[in-house]
N, C-alpha and C. Protein backbone atom coordinates (compact mmCIF):
# COMPACT_ATOMS: atom_id res chain seq x y z
N MET A 1 47.44 88.62 118.54
CA MET A 1 47.73 87.54 117.61
C MET A 1 47.83 88.10 116.20
N ALA A 2 48.79 87.58 115.42
CA ALA A 2 49.02 88.08 114.07
C ALA A 2 47.89 87.62 113.16
N ARG A 3 47.56 88.51 112.24
CA ARG A 3 46.50 88.18 111.30
C ARG A 3 47.09 87.47 110.10
N GLY A 4 46.29 86.77 109.41
CA GLY A 4 46.71 86.09 108.20
C GLY A 4 47.05 84.64 108.45
N ARG A 5 47.42 84.01 107.40
CA ARG A 5 47.75 82.60 107.44
C ARG A 5 49.16 82.42 107.97
N PRO A 6 49.40 81.43 108.84
CA PRO A 6 50.77 81.19 109.31
C PRO A 6 51.63 80.67 108.16
N PRO A 7 52.88 81.05 108.14
CA PRO A 7 53.75 80.61 107.05
C PRO A 7 53.97 79.10 107.09
N GLU A 8 53.92 78.50 105.95
CA GLU A 8 54.14 77.06 105.83
C GLU A 8 55.57 76.85 105.32
N PRO A 9 56.45 76.23 106.12
CA PRO A 9 57.84 76.06 105.69
C PRO A 9 57.95 75.30 104.36
N ALA A 10 57.08 74.33 104.12
CA ALA A 10 57.17 73.56 102.89
C ALA A 10 56.91 74.46 101.68
N GLY A 11 56.02 75.41 101.80
CA GLY A 11 55.71 76.32 100.71
C GLY A 11 56.86 77.28 100.44
N ILE A 12 57.51 77.71 101.50
CA ILE A 12 58.65 78.62 101.34
C ILE A 12 59.81 77.87 100.68
N VAL A 13 60.07 76.67 101.15
CA VAL A 13 61.19 75.89 100.63
C VAL A 13 60.95 75.50 99.18
N ALA A 14 59.69 75.24 98.83
CA ALA A 14 59.39 74.82 97.46
C ALA A 14 59.70 75.93 96.46
N GLY A 15 59.65 77.19 96.87
CA GLY A 15 59.91 78.31 95.98
C GLY A 15 61.38 78.65 95.83
N LEU A 16 62.25 77.98 96.58
CA LEU A 16 63.68 78.27 96.50
C LEU A 16 64.33 77.56 95.33
N ALA A 17 65.44 78.12 94.87
CA ALA A 17 66.21 77.49 93.80
C ALA A 17 67.05 76.36 94.38
N GLY A 18 67.22 75.31 93.63
CA GLY A 18 68.04 74.18 94.06
C GLY A 18 67.41 72.88 93.62
N SER A 19 68.12 71.80 93.85
CA SER A 19 67.61 70.49 93.44
C SER A 19 66.49 70.05 94.38
N ALA A 20 65.70 69.10 93.91
CA ALA A 20 64.58 68.59 94.72
C ALA A 20 65.09 67.92 95.98
N GLY A 21 66.21 67.20 95.90
CA GLY A 21 66.78 66.54 97.07
C GLY A 21 67.22 67.55 98.13
N ALA A 22 67.83 68.64 97.69
CA ALA A 22 68.29 69.66 98.64
C ALA A 22 67.10 70.35 99.30
N ARG A 23 66.06 70.62 98.51
CA ARG A 23 64.87 71.25 99.10
C ARG A 23 64.18 70.30 100.09
N GLN A 24 64.17 68.98 99.80
CA GLN A 24 63.57 68.02 100.72
C GLN A 24 64.36 67.97 102.02
N ARG A 25 65.70 67.95 101.93
CA ARG A 25 66.51 67.93 103.16
C ARG A 25 66.27 69.17 104.01
N LEU A 26 66.19 70.34 103.36
CA LEU A 26 65.94 71.58 104.10
C LEU A 26 64.57 71.54 104.75
N ASP A 27 63.58 71.04 104.02
CA ASP A 27 62.22 70.97 104.56
C ASP A 27 62.18 70.08 105.80
N LEU A 28 62.85 68.93 105.76
CA LEU A 28 62.87 68.04 106.92
C LEU A 28 63.63 68.66 108.09
N MET A 29 64.69 69.41 107.80
CA MET A 29 65.43 70.09 108.86
C MET A 29 64.56 71.12 109.55
N LEU A 30 63.80 71.88 108.75
CA LEU A 30 62.91 72.89 109.33
C LEU A 30 61.79 72.23 110.14
N GLN A 31 61.32 71.08 109.69
CA GLN A 31 60.27 70.36 110.44
C GLN A 31 60.80 69.89 111.79
N THR A 32 62.10 69.49 111.85
CA THR A 32 62.66 69.10 113.15
C THR A 32 62.82 70.30 114.06
N LEU A 33 63.07 71.47 113.49
CA LEU A 33 63.22 72.68 114.30
C LEU A 33 61.88 73.14 114.85
N THR A 34 60.81 73.00 114.07
CA THR A 34 59.49 73.43 114.52
C THR A 34 58.79 72.37 115.37
N GLY A 35 59.34 71.16 115.43
CA GLY A 35 58.76 70.10 116.23
C GLY A 35 57.74 69.26 115.50
N LYS A 36 57.58 69.42 114.21
CA LYS A 36 56.63 68.63 113.43
C LYS A 36 57.18 67.24 113.11
N ALA A 37 58.50 67.08 113.18
CA ALA A 37 59.10 65.77 112.93
C ALA A 37 60.27 65.60 113.89
N SER A 38 60.51 64.35 114.27
CA SER A 38 61.64 64.08 115.15
C SER A 38 62.89 63.84 114.31
N ILE A 39 64.03 63.96 114.97
CA ILE A 39 65.30 63.79 114.26
C ILE A 39 65.43 62.36 113.71
N PRO A 40 65.08 61.32 114.50
CA PRO A 40 65.21 59.97 113.92
C PRO A 40 64.28 59.75 112.73
N GLU A 41 63.07 60.34 112.76
CA GLU A 41 62.14 60.19 111.62
C GLU A 41 62.71 60.87 110.37
N ALA A 42 63.18 62.11 110.53
CA ALA A 42 63.72 62.86 109.40
C ALA A 42 64.96 62.17 108.84
N ALA A 43 65.84 61.69 109.73
CA ALA A 43 67.05 61.00 109.28
C ALA A 43 66.67 59.72 108.54
N GLY A 44 65.66 59.00 109.02
CA GLY A 44 65.21 57.76 108.36
C GLY A 44 64.64 58.06 106.98
N GLN A 45 63.87 59.15 106.81
CA GLN A 45 63.30 59.49 105.51
C GLN A 45 64.40 59.82 104.50
N LEU A 46 65.49 60.40 104.98
CA LEU A 46 66.59 60.77 104.08
C LEU A 46 67.60 59.63 103.90
N GLY A 47 67.47 58.57 104.68
CA GLY A 47 68.41 57.45 104.59
C GLY A 47 69.75 57.80 105.21
N LEU A 48 69.74 58.64 106.24
CA LEU A 48 70.96 59.06 106.92
C LEU A 48 70.93 58.59 108.36
N GLY A 49 72.08 58.54 108.96
CA GLY A 49 72.15 58.29 110.40
C GLY A 49 71.82 59.59 111.15
N ARG A 50 71.51 59.41 112.42
CA ARG A 50 71.12 60.56 113.23
C ARG A 50 72.26 61.58 113.33
N SER A 51 73.47 61.14 113.58
CA SER A 51 74.59 62.07 113.74
C SER A 51 74.88 62.82 112.43
N ARG A 52 74.79 62.11 111.30
CA ARG A 52 75.00 62.77 110.01
C ARG A 52 73.92 63.81 109.76
N PHE A 53 72.66 63.48 110.08
CA PHE A 53 71.57 64.44 109.89
C PHE A 53 71.79 65.68 110.75
N CYS A 54 72.20 65.47 112.02
CA CYS A 54 72.45 66.61 112.91
C CYS A 54 73.60 67.47 112.40
N LEU A 55 74.63 66.83 111.85
CA LEU A 55 75.76 67.57 111.30
C LEU A 55 75.33 68.41 110.10
N LEU A 56 74.53 67.83 109.19
CA LEU A 56 74.04 68.59 108.03
C LEU A 56 73.15 69.75 108.46
N ARG A 57 72.30 69.50 109.46
CA ARG A 57 71.41 70.57 109.94
C ARG A 57 72.23 71.71 110.55
N ARG A 58 73.25 71.34 111.31
CA ARG A 58 74.10 72.37 111.92
C ARG A 58 74.84 73.18 110.84
N GLN A 59 75.34 72.52 109.80
CA GLN A 59 76.02 73.21 108.71
C GLN A 59 75.06 74.15 107.98
N ALA A 60 73.82 73.70 107.77
CA ALA A 60 72.84 74.54 107.08
C ALA A 60 72.51 75.77 107.92
N LEU A 61 72.34 75.59 109.21
CA LEU A 61 72.04 76.72 110.07
C LEU A 61 73.24 77.68 110.18
N GLN A 62 74.45 77.12 110.21
CA GLN A 62 75.64 77.98 110.25
C GLN A 62 75.77 78.79 108.96
N ALA A 63 75.45 78.17 107.82
CA ALA A 63 75.50 78.90 106.55
C ALA A 63 74.46 80.02 106.54
N ALA A 64 73.30 79.77 107.15
CA ALA A 64 72.26 80.81 107.22
C ALA A 64 72.74 81.96 108.10
N VAL A 65 73.36 81.65 109.23
CA VAL A 65 73.87 82.70 110.12
C VAL A 65 74.97 83.49 109.42
N ASP A 66 75.88 82.81 108.73
CA ASP A 66 76.96 83.50 108.01
C ASP A 66 76.40 84.43 106.94
N ALA A 67 75.36 83.99 106.26
CA ALA A 67 74.77 84.82 105.21
C ALA A 67 74.08 86.06 105.79
N LEU A 68 73.67 86.00 107.04
CA LEU A 68 72.95 87.11 107.66
C LEU A 68 73.87 88.05 108.44
N GLU A 69 75.16 87.80 108.44
CA GLU A 69 76.09 88.70 109.12
C GLU A 69 76.09 90.05 108.42
N PRO A 70 76.21 91.15 109.19
CA PRO A 70 76.27 92.47 108.55
C PRO A 70 77.54 92.59 107.71
N GLN A 71 77.39 93.22 106.57
CA GLN A 71 78.52 93.38 105.66
C GLN A 71 78.66 94.84 105.29
N ALA A 72 79.82 95.18 104.76
CA ALA A 72 80.08 96.55 104.34
C ALA A 72 79.14 96.92 103.20
N ARG A 73 78.73 98.17 103.20
CA ARG A 73 77.84 98.64 102.14
C ARG A 73 78.60 98.82 100.85
N GLY A 74 77.87 98.77 99.78
CA GLY A 74 78.46 99.02 98.47
C GLY A 74 79.05 97.77 97.84
N ARG A 75 79.62 97.98 96.69
CA ARG A 75 80.21 96.89 95.93
C ARG A 75 81.52 96.48 96.59
N PRO A 76 81.75 95.18 96.74
CA PRO A 76 83.02 94.76 97.34
C PRO A 76 84.18 95.10 96.42
N PRO A 77 85.34 95.40 97.00
CA PRO A 77 86.50 95.75 96.16
C PRO A 77 86.92 94.54 95.32
N THR A 78 87.37 94.83 94.12
CA THR A 78 87.78 93.76 93.23
C THR A 78 89.22 93.38 93.52
N GLN A 79 89.49 92.11 93.54
CA GLN A 79 90.83 91.61 93.73
C GLN A 79 91.38 91.28 92.35
N SER A 80 92.39 92.04 91.93
CA SER A 80 92.95 91.80 90.61
C SER A 80 94.24 91.01 90.74
N THR A 81 94.45 90.13 89.79
CA THR A 81 95.65 89.31 89.77
C THR A 81 96.79 90.13 89.17
N PRO A 82 98.03 89.70 89.36
CA PRO A 82 99.15 90.43 88.75
C PRO A 82 99.03 90.50 87.23
N GLU A 83 98.48 89.46 86.62
CA GLU A 83 98.30 89.48 85.16
C GLU A 83 97.31 90.57 84.76
N GLU A 84 96.23 90.69 85.52
CA GLU A 84 95.23 91.73 85.22
C GLU A 84 95.83 93.12 85.41
N GLN A 85 96.67 93.29 86.44
CA GLN A 85 97.31 94.58 86.67
C GLN A 85 98.25 94.92 85.53
N GLU A 86 98.99 93.91 85.04
CA GLU A 86 99.90 94.14 83.93
C GLU A 86 99.13 94.49 82.66
N ILE A 87 98.01 93.82 82.44
CA ILE A 87 97.18 94.12 81.27
C ILE A 87 96.68 95.56 81.35
N ALA A 88 96.23 95.98 82.52
CA ALA A 88 95.74 97.35 82.68
C ALA A 88 96.86 98.36 82.43
N MET A 89 98.07 98.07 82.93
CA MET A 89 99.20 98.97 82.72
C MET A 89 99.54 99.07 81.23
N LEU A 90 99.54 97.92 80.55
CA LEU A 90 99.85 97.92 79.11
C LEU A 90 98.78 98.66 78.32
N GLN A 91 97.53 98.53 78.73
CA GLN A 91 96.47 99.25 78.04
C GLN A 91 96.64 100.76 78.22
N GLU A 92 97.06 101.19 79.40
CA GLU A 92 97.32 102.62 79.62
C GLU A 92 98.48 103.09 78.75
N GLN A 93 99.52 102.27 78.62
CA GLN A 93 100.65 102.64 77.77
C GLN A 93 100.22 102.75 76.31
N VAL A 94 99.40 101.81 75.85
CA VAL A 94 98.91 101.86 74.47
C VAL A 94 98.12 103.13 74.25
N GLN A 95 97.28 103.50 75.21
CA GLN A 95 96.48 104.72 75.07
C GLN A 95 97.38 105.95 75.00
N ALA A 96 98.42 106.00 75.85
CA ALA A 96 99.34 107.14 75.83
C ALA A 96 100.10 107.21 74.50
N LEU A 97 100.50 106.06 73.99
CA LEU A 97 101.21 106.04 72.71
C LEU A 97 100.31 106.45 71.56
N LYS A 98 99.04 106.10 71.63
CA LYS A 98 98.10 106.53 70.60
C LYS A 98 97.96 108.05 70.60
N ILE A 99 97.93 108.63 71.78
CA ILE A 99 97.82 110.09 71.89
C ILE A 99 99.09 110.75 71.33
N ASP A 100 100.26 110.19 71.68
CA ASP A 100 101.52 110.74 71.15
C ASP A 100 101.58 110.63 69.63
N LEU A 101 101.12 109.50 69.09
CA LEU A 101 101.11 109.32 67.64
C LEU A 101 100.21 110.34 66.97
N LYS A 102 99.05 110.57 67.53
CA LYS A 102 98.11 111.54 66.96
C LYS A 102 98.73 112.94 66.98
N ALA A 103 99.40 113.29 68.08
CA ALA A 103 100.05 114.60 68.17
C ALA A 103 101.15 114.73 67.12
N ALA A 104 101.93 113.67 66.91
CA ALA A 104 102.99 113.72 65.91
C ALA A 104 102.41 113.86 64.50
N GLN A 105 101.30 113.18 64.26
CA GLN A 105 100.65 113.30 62.95
C GLN A 105 100.15 114.72 62.72
N ILE A 106 99.61 115.34 63.74
CA ILE A 106 99.12 116.72 63.62
C ILE A 106 100.29 117.67 63.38
N ARG A 107 101.41 117.47 64.11
CA ARG A 107 102.59 118.32 63.88
C ARG A 107 103.11 118.17 62.45
N GLU A 108 103.08 116.94 61.94
CA GLU A 108 103.54 116.72 60.57
C GLU A 108 102.64 117.43 59.57
N LYS A 109 101.35 117.37 59.77
CA LYS A 109 100.42 118.07 58.87
C LYS A 109 100.64 119.58 58.93
N LEU A 110 100.85 120.10 60.13
CA LEU A 110 101.12 121.53 60.27
C LEU A 110 102.41 121.91 59.55
N ALA A 111 103.44 121.08 59.65
CA ALA A 111 104.71 121.38 59.00
C ALA A 111 104.55 121.39 57.48
N LEU A 112 103.69 120.54 56.95
CA LEU A 112 103.48 120.51 55.51
C LEU A 112 102.60 121.65 55.03
N LEU A 113 101.59 121.97 55.79
CA LEU A 113 100.62 122.99 55.37
C LEU A 113 101.07 124.41 55.69
N MET A 114 101.76 124.59 56.79
CA MET A 114 102.16 125.94 57.21
C MET A 114 103.61 125.94 57.68
N PRO A 115 104.57 125.77 56.77
CA PRO A 115 105.97 125.72 57.20
C PRO A 115 106.45 127.04 57.77
N HIS A 116 105.83 128.16 57.36
CA HIS A 116 106.26 129.46 57.87
C HIS A 116 106.00 129.60 59.37
N VAL A 117 105.04 128.88 59.88
CA VAL A 117 104.75 128.94 61.32
C VAL A 117 105.87 128.28 62.11
N LEU A 118 106.37 127.17 61.61
CA LEU A 118 107.42 126.46 62.33
C LEU A 118 108.78 127.12 62.16
N HIS A 119 109.02 127.83 61.04
CA HIS A 119 110.33 128.38 60.75
C HIS A 119 110.33 129.91 60.77
N ARG A 120 109.44 130.55 61.44
CA ARG A 120 109.34 132.00 61.40
C ARG A 120 110.48 132.70 62.15
N ASN A 121 111.08 132.08 63.13
CA ASN A 121 112.13 132.72 63.90
C ASN A 121 113.52 132.50 63.32
N GLN A 122 113.65 131.74 62.25
CA GLN A 122 114.97 131.48 61.69
C GLN A 122 115.51 132.69 60.95
N GLY A 123 114.67 133.56 60.38
CA GLY A 123 115.12 134.75 59.66
C GLY A 123 115.61 135.83 60.59
N ARG A 124 115.20 135.84 61.83
CA ARG A 124 115.60 136.87 62.79
C ARG A 124 116.86 136.43 63.52
N ARG A 125 117.67 137.43 63.90
CA ARG A 125 118.84 137.14 64.69
C ARG A 125 118.70 137.80 66.04
N LYS A 126 119.35 137.21 66.99
CA LYS A 126 119.35 137.81 68.32
C LYS A 126 120.19 139.07 68.29
N LYS A 127 119.97 139.97 69.26
CA LYS A 127 120.70 141.23 69.31
C LYS A 127 122.20 141.01 69.39
N ASN A 128 122.66 140.13 70.25
CA ASN A 128 124.08 139.94 70.49
C ASN A 128 124.65 138.76 69.71
N ALA A 129 123.95 138.29 68.71
CA ALA A 129 124.44 137.15 67.94
C ALA A 129 125.58 137.59 67.04
N ALA A 130 126.43 136.67 66.68
CA ALA A 130 127.57 136.97 65.81
C ALA A 130 127.08 137.39 64.44
N ALA A 131 127.74 138.42 63.86
CA ALA A 131 127.32 138.95 62.57
C ALA A 131 127.91 138.15 61.43
N GLY A 132 129.03 137.54 61.61
CA GLY A 132 129.67 136.84 60.51
C GLY A 132 130.35 135.57 60.99
N PRO A 133 130.96 134.86 60.03
CA PRO A 133 131.60 133.60 60.42
C PRO A 133 132.88 133.81 61.22
N ASN A 134 133.57 134.97 61.09
CA ASN A 134 134.83 135.22 61.79
C ASN A 134 134.63 135.92 63.12
N ARG A 135 133.41 136.20 63.49
CA ARG A 135 133.16 136.92 64.75
C ARG A 135 132.76 135.93 65.82
N PRO A 136 133.21 136.15 67.03
CA PRO A 136 132.84 135.25 68.13
C PRO A 136 131.39 135.47 68.54
N ALA A 137 130.87 134.52 69.26
CA ALA A 137 129.48 134.63 69.73
C ALA A 137 129.37 135.81 70.68
N GLY A 138 128.23 136.45 70.70
CA GLY A 138 128.01 137.60 71.56
C GLY A 138 128.19 138.90 70.82
N GLY A 139 128.73 138.88 69.61
CA GLY A 139 128.84 140.09 68.79
C GLY A 139 129.96 141.01 69.18
N ARG A 140 130.89 140.61 70.02
CA ARG A 140 131.98 141.49 70.43
C ARG A 140 133.22 141.22 69.61
N ARG A 141 134.04 142.26 69.49
CA ARG A 141 135.31 142.10 68.77
C ARG A 141 136.33 141.44 69.70
N HIS A 142 137.43 140.98 69.10
CA HIS A 142 138.46 140.32 69.88
C HIS A 142 139.14 141.26 70.85
N SER A 143 139.27 142.52 70.51
CA SER A 143 140.00 143.45 71.36
C SER A 143 139.18 143.88 72.57
N GLY A 144 137.91 143.61 72.57
CA GLY A 144 137.07 143.99 73.68
C GLY A 144 136.46 145.35 73.50
N ALA A 145 136.81 146.08 72.45
CA ALA A 145 136.25 147.41 72.22
C ALA A 145 134.84 147.28 71.69
N ALA A 146 134.02 148.23 72.02
CA ALA A 146 132.64 148.21 71.57
C ALA A 146 132.58 148.53 70.08
N ALA A 147 131.69 147.95 69.38
CA ALA A 147 131.55 148.18 67.95
C ALA A 147 130.92 149.55 67.73
N ARG A 148 131.53 150.34 66.80
CA ARG A 148 131.00 151.67 66.50
C ARG A 148 130.40 151.64 65.11
N PRO A 149 129.38 152.38 64.91
CA PRO A 149 128.82 152.41 63.57
C PRO A 149 129.78 153.11 62.61
N THR A 150 129.83 152.64 61.41
CA THR A 150 130.70 153.26 60.41
C THR A 150 130.06 154.55 59.93
N PRO A 151 130.88 155.63 59.74
CA PRO A 151 130.30 156.91 59.31
C PRO A 151 129.87 156.82 57.85
N ARG A 152 128.79 157.49 57.55
CA ARG A 152 128.29 157.52 56.18
C ARG A 152 128.98 158.65 55.41
N PRO A 153 129.25 158.40 54.15
CA PRO A 153 129.85 159.50 53.37
C PRO A 153 128.81 160.57 53.13
N HIS A 154 129.27 161.83 53.13
CA HIS A 154 128.34 162.93 52.92
C HIS A 154 127.98 163.03 51.46
N ALA A 155 126.75 163.11 51.22
CA ALA A 155 126.26 163.26 49.84
C ALA A 155 126.11 164.72 49.53
N ALA A 156 125.98 165.06 48.28
CA ALA A 156 125.87 166.46 47.84
C ALA A 156 124.62 167.11 48.38
N GLY A 157 123.59 166.38 48.56
CA GLY A 157 122.34 166.96 49.03
C GLY A 157 122.18 166.91 50.54
N ASP A 158 123.24 166.59 51.23
CA ASP A 158 123.16 166.48 52.67
C ASP A 158 123.24 167.87 53.28
N ARG A 159 122.27 168.25 54.06
CA ARG A 159 122.22 169.61 54.61
C ARG A 159 122.40 169.60 56.12
N SER A 160 122.81 168.54 56.66
CA SER A 160 122.87 168.47 58.12
C SER A 160 123.92 169.43 58.68
N GLY A 161 125.04 169.66 57.98
CA GLY A 161 126.10 170.53 58.51
C GLY A 161 126.12 171.90 57.83
N ASP A 162 125.31 172.19 56.84
CA ASP A 162 125.31 173.46 56.11
C ASP A 162 124.46 174.49 56.82
N ALA A 163 124.89 175.69 56.78
CA ALA A 163 124.12 176.76 57.41
C ALA A 163 123.17 177.36 56.42
N GLY A 164 123.40 177.20 55.21
CA GLY A 164 122.63 177.99 54.29
C GLY A 164 121.98 177.26 53.28
């Protein structure tokens, strides 16, 4: 035999949240289940017919069974409406645009503070780039002949060809 005081349904029901009328109906339903009150007595105390009382009791018991069904663990997935999805998409776009704006502002500051960094390759020419306005791209002459370096005039102090 179990030790301790047997549970009193009226005490358990009194501690539940809800209106006094709802707690009284539940208490009378539990009394009919435990055999402490008959269905006609409980229905008479509530001012209901027997069939209505039985229907309410069945609904209450079905709600209890439904509440005790096993459920998936964790937080249930959220169901978002199309409006909520659109709001989320727009918020993502705003965030991306803020990042792009910040990057453009940083590029502008760099261009003002260090223009040589942005324009450092403009002074250099590619190897095969055209040398002048009348030359075609690629640095080749119209005839297809390779460009030869022009000979330098010999200076008086040039000793490259002298023996002595």
